[in-house]
């Protein structure tokens, strides 16, 4: 059993999703954005190199005998588009639990694994927010760790860049 990061332990609604996880990572970003703005900035970040990685993924999952529903469309999300309602969609994720100005967790389940993306906002002493971007992965069969270990280096780059885009969100 892996030790759960402090940010998950301090957010009880996230605990059930992290139990028995095969992989958890947390990246931290600081910004004057609020949680809705940060999420909108993250999901609106979709440069050509990420589209290219989705195309490569499409071929890779086919080699493992899995399916990909297609390459996600370019999406520009506004803060008012961010849902905090369990069951609503956010791109290819389904929201599982969320609390305004506190946390947001969504997941995607495929035959080989379930991946959750969580974002926890914590105010800082300098009147900003610290955003903990959490990835939780649970494998379902042998293709789960094969798939995830191949994409893991790219995952870290993509999540890092998306988090930076969320932190740069500018109110208009």
C-alpha atoms as a PDB file:
ATOM      1  CA  UNK A   1       0.000   0.000   0.000  1.00  0.00           C
ATOM      2  CA  UNK A   2       1.461   3.339  -1.013  1.00  0.00           C
ATOM      3  CA  UNK A   3       1.580   6.313   1.322  1.00  0.00           C
ATOM      4  CA  UNK A   4      -0.969   8.858   0.190  1.00  0.00           C
ATOM      5  CA  UNK A   5       0.243  12.415  -0.409  1.00  0.00           C
ATOM      6  CA  UNK A   6      -0.697  14.916   2.316  1.00  0.00           C
ATOM      7  CA  UNK A   7      -2.970  16.882  -0.035  1.00  0.00           C
ATOM      8  CA  UNK A   8      -5.099  13.763  -0.568  1.00  0.00           C
ATOM      9  CA  UNK A   9      -5.112  12.916   3.128  1.00  0.00           C
ATOM     10  CA  UNK A  10      -6.309  16.469   3.889  1.00  0.00           C
ATOM     11  CA  UNK A  11      -9.124  16.198   1.308  1.00  0.00           C
ATOM     12  CA  UNK A  12     -11.273  13.289   2.581  1.00  0.00           C
ATOM     13  CA  UNK A  13     -13.536  13.184  -0.493  1.00  0.00           C
ATOM     14  CA  UNK A  14     -10.514  12.201  -2.616  1.00  0.00           C
ATOM     15  CA  UNK A  15      -9.392   9.339  -0.377  1.00  0.00           C
ATOM     16  CA  UNK A  16     -11.623   6.604  -1.880  1.00  0.00           C
ATOM     17  CA  UNK A  17     -10.228   7.317  -5.361  1.00  0.00           C
ATOM     18  CA  UNK A  18      -6.640   7.046  -4.155  1.00  0.00           C
ATOM     19  CA  UNK A  19      -7.089   3.804  -2.196  1.00  0.00           C
ATOM     20  CA  UNK A  20      -5.316   0.878  -3.888  1.00  0.00           C
ATOM     21  CA  UNK A  21      -3.868   3.135  -6.597  1.00  0.00           C
ATOM     22  CA  UNK A  22      -0.970   1.839  -8.645  1.00  0.00           C
ATOM     23  CA  UNK A  23       0.401   5.327  -9.313  1.00  0.00           C
ATOM     24  CA  UNK A  24      -0.110   8.769  -7.781  1.00  0.00           C
ATOM     25  CA  UNK A  25       1.727  11.938  -8.602  1.00  0.00           C
ATOM     26  CA  UNK A  26       1.188  15.529  -7.536  1.00  0.00           C
ATOM     27  CA  UNK A  27       2.418  18.679  -9.256  1.00  0.00           C
ATOM     28  CA  UNK A  28       2.055  22.058  -7.536  1.00  0.00           C
ATOM     29  CA  UNK A  29       1.435  25.439  -9.178  1.00  0.00           C
ATOM     30  CA  UNK A  30       0.846  28.875  -7.682  1.00  0.00           C
ATOM     31  CA  UNK A  31      -1.383  31.519  -9.234  1.00  0.00           C
ATOM     32  CA  UNK A  32      -3.821  34.307  -8.552  1.00  0.00           C
ATOM     33  CA  UNK A  33      -6.426  32.351 -10.541  1.00  0.00           C
ATOM     34  CA  UNK A  34      -9.328  30.734  -8.731  1.00  0.00           C
ATOM     35  CA  UNK A  35     -10.120  27.024  -9.134  1.00  0.00           C
ATOM     36  CA  UNK A  36     -12.541  27.514 -12.051  1.00  0.00           C
ATOM     37  CA  UNK A  37     -10.058  29.716 -13.893  1.00  0.00           C
ATOM     38  CA  UNK A  38      -7.196  27.293 -13.284  1.00  0.00           C
ATOM     39  CA  UNK A  39      -9.212  24.333 -14.616  1.00  0.00           C
ATOM     40  CA  UNK A  40     -10.375  26.337 -17.649  1.00  0.00           C
ATOM     41  CA  UNK A  41      -6.781  27.344 -18.387  1.00  0.00           C
ATOM     42  CA  UNK A  42      -5.576  23.752 -18.076  1.00  0.00           C
ATOM     43  CA  UNK A  43      -8.214  22.302 -20.380  1.00  0.00           C
ATOM     44  CA  UNK A  44      -7.863  25.110 -22.932  1.00  0.00           C
ATOM     45  CA  UNK A  45      -4.173  24.291 -23.396  1.00  0.00           C
ATOM     46  CA  UNK A  46      -4.090  22.138 -26.516  1.00  0.00           C
ATOM     47  CA  UNK A  47      -1.093  22.921 -28.742  1.00  0.00           C
ATOM     48  CA  UNK A  48      -0.152  20.989 -31.871  1.00  0.00           C
ATOM     49  CA  UNK A  49       2.444  18.862 -30.053  1.00  0.00           C
ATOM     50  CA  UNK A  50      -0.234  17.471 -27.692  1.00  0.00           C
ATOM     51  CA  UNK A  51      -2.494  16.709 -30.675  1.00  0.00           C
ATOM     52  CA  UNK A  52       0.474  14.851 -32.187  1.00  0.00           C
ATOM     53  CA  UNK A  53       0.907  12.808 -28.975  1.00  0.00           C
ATOM     54  CA  UNK A  54      -2.776  11.793 -29.174  1.00  0.00           C
ATOM     55  CA  UNK A  55      -2.174  10.547 -32.730  1.00  0.00           C
ATOM     56  CA  UNK A  56       0.831   8.504 -31.550  1.00  0.00           C
ATOM     57  CA  UNK A  57      -1.260   7.174 -28.648  1.00  0.00           C
ATOM     58  CA  UNK A  58      -3.947   6.091 -31.118  1.00  0.00           C
ATOM     59  CA  UNK A  59      -1.444   3.806 -32.882  1.00  0.00           C
ATOM     60  CA  UNK A  60       0.078   2.545 -29.644  1.00  0.00           C
ATOM     61  CA  UNK A  61      -3.217   1.510 -28.040  1.00  0.00           C
ATOM     62  CA  UNK A  62      -4.165  -0.337 -31.216  1.00  0.00           C
ATOM     63  CA  UNK A  63      -0.940  -2.359 -30.897  1.00  0.00           C
ATOM     64  CA  UNK A  64      -2.051  -3.344 -27.388  1.00  0.00           C
ATOM     65  CA  UNK A  65      -5.455  -4.395 -28.719  1.00  0.00           C
ATOM     66  CA  UNK A  66      -7.291  -1.444 -27.186  1.00  0.00           C
ATOM     67  CA  UNK A  67      -9.478   1.270 -28.634  1.00  0.00           C
ATOM     68  CA  UNK A  68      -9.292   5.047 -28.557  1.00  0.00           C
ATOM     69  CA  UNK A  69     -12.476   6.929 -29.291  1.00  0.00           C
ATOM     70  CA  UNK A  70     -10.596   9.414 -31.416  1.00  0.00           C
ATOM     71  CA  UNK A  71      -8.488  12.469 -30.884  1.00  0.00           C
ATOM     72  CA  UNK A  72     -10.102  15.065 -28.610  1.00  0.00           C
ATOM     73  CA  UNK A  73     -11.265  18.212 -30.344  1.00  0.00           C
ATOM     74  CA  UNK A  74      -9.616  21.521 -29.704  1.00  0.00           C
ATOM     75  CA  UNK A  75     -11.401  23.000 -26.743  1.00  0.00           C
ATOM     76  CA  UNK A  76     -11.497  26.467 -25.304  1.00  0.00           C
ATOM     77  CA  UNK A  77     -13.030  26.293 -21.854  1.00  0.00           C
ATOM     78  CA  UNK A  78     -14.212  29.318 -19.933  1.00  0.00           C
ATOM     79  CA  UNK A  79     -14.454  29.382 -16.129  1.00  0.00           C
ATOM     80  CA  UNK A  80     -18.251  29.417 -16.314  1.00  0.00           C
ATOM     81  CA  UNK A  81     -18.082  26.200 -18.389  1.00  0.00           C
ATOM     82  CA  UNK A  82     -16.377  24.292 -15.554  1.00  0.00           C
ATOM     83  CA  UNK A  83     -18.899  22.020 -13.889  1.00  0.00           C
ATOM     84  CA  UNK A  84     -18.767  20.906 -10.270  1.00  0.00           C
ATOM     85  CA  UNK A  85     -21.603  18.398 -10.721  1.00  0.00           C
ATOM     86  CA  UNK A  86     -20.814  14.691 -10.381  1.00  0.00           C
ATOM     87  CA  UNK A  87     -21.622  12.867 -13.613  1.00  0.00           C
ATOM     88  CA  UNK A  88     -21.023  15.870 -15.886  1.00  0.00           C
ATOM     89  CA  UNK A  89     -18.358  15.646 -18.577  1.00  0.00           C
ATOM     90  CA  UNK A  90     -15.146  17.644 -18.911  1.00  0.00           C
ATOM     91  CA  UNK A  91     -13.633  16.656 -22.260  1.00  0.00           C
ATOM     92  CA  UNK A  92     -13.197  12.856 -22.019  1.00  0.00           C
ATOM     93  CA  UNK A  93     -13.327  12.890 -18.201  1.00  0.00           C
ATOM     94  CA  UNK A  94     -16.406  12.388 -16.020  1.00  0.00           C
ATOM     95  CA  UNK A  95     -16.588  14.461 -12.861  1.00  0.00           C
ATOM     96  CA  UNK A  96     -16.731  12.284  -9.744  1.00  0.00           C
ATOM     97  CA  UNK A  97     -16.582  14.772  -6.871  1.00  0.00           C
ATOM     98  CA  UNK A  98     -16.035  18.507  -6.605  1.00  0.00           C
ATOM     99  CA  UNK A  99     -16.470  21.404  -4.237  1.00  0.00           C
ATOM    100  CA  UNK A 100     -16.394  25.001  -5.447  1.00  0.00           C
ATOM    101  CA  UNK A 101     -13.129  26.833  -4.597  1.00  0.00           C
ATOM    102  CA  UNK A 102     -11.741  23.695  -2.935  1.00  0.00           C
ATOM    103  CA  UNK A 103     -11.266  20.610  -5.134  1.00  0.00           C
ATOM    104  CA  UNK A 104     -12.323  18.958  -8.387  1.00  0.00           C
ATOM    105  CA  UNK A 105     -11.810  15.316  -9.405  1.00  0.00           C
ATOM    106  CA  UNK A 106     -12.714  13.656 -12.683  1.00  0.00           C
ATOM    107  CA  UNK A 107     -11.851  10.289 -14.156  1.00  0.00           C
ATOM    108  CA  UNK A 108     -11.708   8.280 -17.341  1.00  0.00           C
ATOM    109  CA  UNK A 109     -12.016   4.493 -17.424  1.00  0.00           C
ATOM    110  CA  UNK A 110     -10.722   2.357 -20.248  1.00  0.00           C
ATOM    111  CA  UNK A 111     -10.256  -1.406 -20.469  1.00  0.00           C
ATOM    112  CA  UNK A 112      -6.651  -1.241 -19.243  1.00  0.00           C
ATOM    113  CA  UNK A 113      -6.834   1.403 -16.502  1.00  0.00           C
ATOM    114  CA  UNK A 114      -8.770   4.124 -14.752  1.00  0.00           C
ATOM    115  CA  UNK A 115      -7.119   7.524 -14.478  1.00  0.00           C
ATOM    116  CA  UNK A 116      -8.273  10.345 -12.243  1.00  0.00           C
ATOM    117  CA  UNK A 117      -7.284  13.977 -12.523  1.00  0.00           C
ATOM    118  CA  UNK A 118      -7.735  15.941  -9.337  1.00  0.00           C
ATOM    119  CA  UNK A 119      -7.077  19.590  -8.599  1.00  0.00           C
ATOM    120  CA  UNK A 120      -7.029  20.894  -5.051  1.00  0.00           C
ATOM    121  CA  UNK A 121      -6.839  24.653  -4.376  1.00  0.00           C
ATOM    122  CA  UNK A 122      -5.284  25.924  -1.162  1.00  0.00           C
ATOM    123  CA  UNK A 123      -4.926  29.644  -0.380  1.00  0.00           C
ATOM    124  CA  UNK A 124      -1.431  30.923   0.319  1.00  0.00           C
ATOM    125  CA  UNK A 125      -0.294  33.665   2.680  1.00  0.00           C
ATOM    126  CA  UNK A 126       0.441  35.956  -0.268  1.00  0.00           C
ATOM    127  CA  UNK A 127      -3.214  35.983  -1.421  1.00  0.00           C
ATOM    128  CA  UNK A 128      -2.733  33.488  -4.219  1.00  0.00           C
ATOM    129  CA  UNK A 129      -3.799  29.893  -4.615  1.00  0.00           C
ATOM    130  CA  UNK A 130      -1.601  26.845  -4.587  1.00  0.00           C
ATOM    131  CA  UNK A 131      -2.997  24.238  -6.972  1.00  0.00           C
ATOM    132  CA  UNK A 132      -2.154  20.580  -6.409  1.00  0.00           C
ATOM    133  CA  UNK A 133      -2.696  18.713  -9.680  1.00  0.00           C
ATOM    134  CA  UNK A 134      -3.088  15.045  -8.801  1.00  0.00           C
ATOM    135  CA  UNK A 135      -2.932  12.052 -11.113  1.00  0.00           C
ATOM    136  CA  UNK A 136      -4.233   8.751  -9.763  1.00  0.00           C
ATOM    137  CA  UNK A 137      -3.957   5.585 -11.875  1.00  0.00           C
ATOM    138  CA  UNK A 138      -5.429   2.142 -11.213  1.00  0.00           C
ATOM    139  CA  UNK A 139      -4.562  -0.742 -13.525  1.00  0.00           C
ATOM    140  CA  UNK A 140      -7.223  -3.230 -14.639  1.00  0.00           C
ATOM    141  CA  UNK A 141      -5.138  -5.765 -16.552  1.00  0.00           C
ATOM    142  CA  UNK A 142      -1.607  -6.392 -17.836  1.00  0.00           C
ATOM    143  CA  UNK A 143      -1.876  -3.718 -20.514  1.00  0.00           C
ATOM    144  CA  UNK A 144      -2.374  -1.013 -17.842  1.00  0.00           C
ATOM    145  CA  UNK A 145       1.205  -0.866 -16.543  1.00  0.00           C
ATOM    146  CA  UNK A 146       2.636  -1.491 -20.029  1.00  0.00           C
ATOM    147  CA  UNK A 147       0.646   1.430 -21.427  1.00  0.00           C
ATOM    148  CA  UNK A 148       1.223   3.792 -18.505  1.00  0.00           C
ATOM    149  CA  UNK A 149       4.967   3.155 -18.216  1.00  0.00           C
ATOM    150  CA  UNK A 150       5.405   3.952 -21.915  1.00  0.00           C
ATOM    151  CA  UNK A 151       3.404   7.193 -21.719  1.00  0.00           C
ATOM    152  CA  UNK A 152       4.588   8.238 -18.236  1.00  0.00           C
ATOM    153  CA  UNK A 153       7.401  10.595 -19.389  1.00  0.00           C
ATOM    154  CA  UNK A 154       4.949  12.340 -21.725  1.00  0.00           C
ATOM    155  CA  UNK A 155       2.297  12.424 -19.011  1.00  0.00           C
ATOM    156  CA  UNK A 156       4.632  14.413 -16.755  1.00  0.00           C
ATOM    157  CA  UNK A 157       5.401  16.907 -19.537  1.00  0.00           C
ATOM    158  CA  UNK A 158       1.750  17.289 -20.593  1.00  0.00           C
ATOM    159  CA  UNK A 159       0.419  17.726 -17.046  1.00  0.00           C
ATOM    160  CA  UNK A 160       3.247  20.128 -16.232  1.00  0.00           C
ATOM    161  CA  UNK A 161       2.503  22.281 -19.270  1.00  0.00           C
ATOM    162  CA  UNK A 162      -1.244  22.156 -18.665  1.00  0.00           C
ATOM    163  CA  UNK A 163      -0.703  23.193 -15.036  1.00  0.00           C
ATOM    164  CA  UNK A 164       1.469  26.104 -16.121  1.00  0.00           C
ATOM    165  CA  UNK A 165      -1.258  27.165 -18.563  1.00  0.00           C
ATOM    166  CA  UNK A 166      -3.817  26.998 -15.745  1.00  0.00           C
ATOM    167  CA  UNK A 167      -1.576  29.115 -13.532  1.00  0.00           C
ATOM    168  CA  UNK A 168      -1.205  31.710 -16.308  1.00  0.00           C
ATOM    169  CA  UNK A 169      -4.964  32.064 -16.722  1.00  0.00           C
ATOM    170  CA  UNK A 170      -5.831  35.740 -17.235  1.00  0.00           C
ATOM    171  CA  UNK A 171      -9.196  37.112 -16.282  1.00  0.00           C
ATOM    172  CA  UNK A 172     -10.801  38.922 -19.188  1.00  0.00           C
END
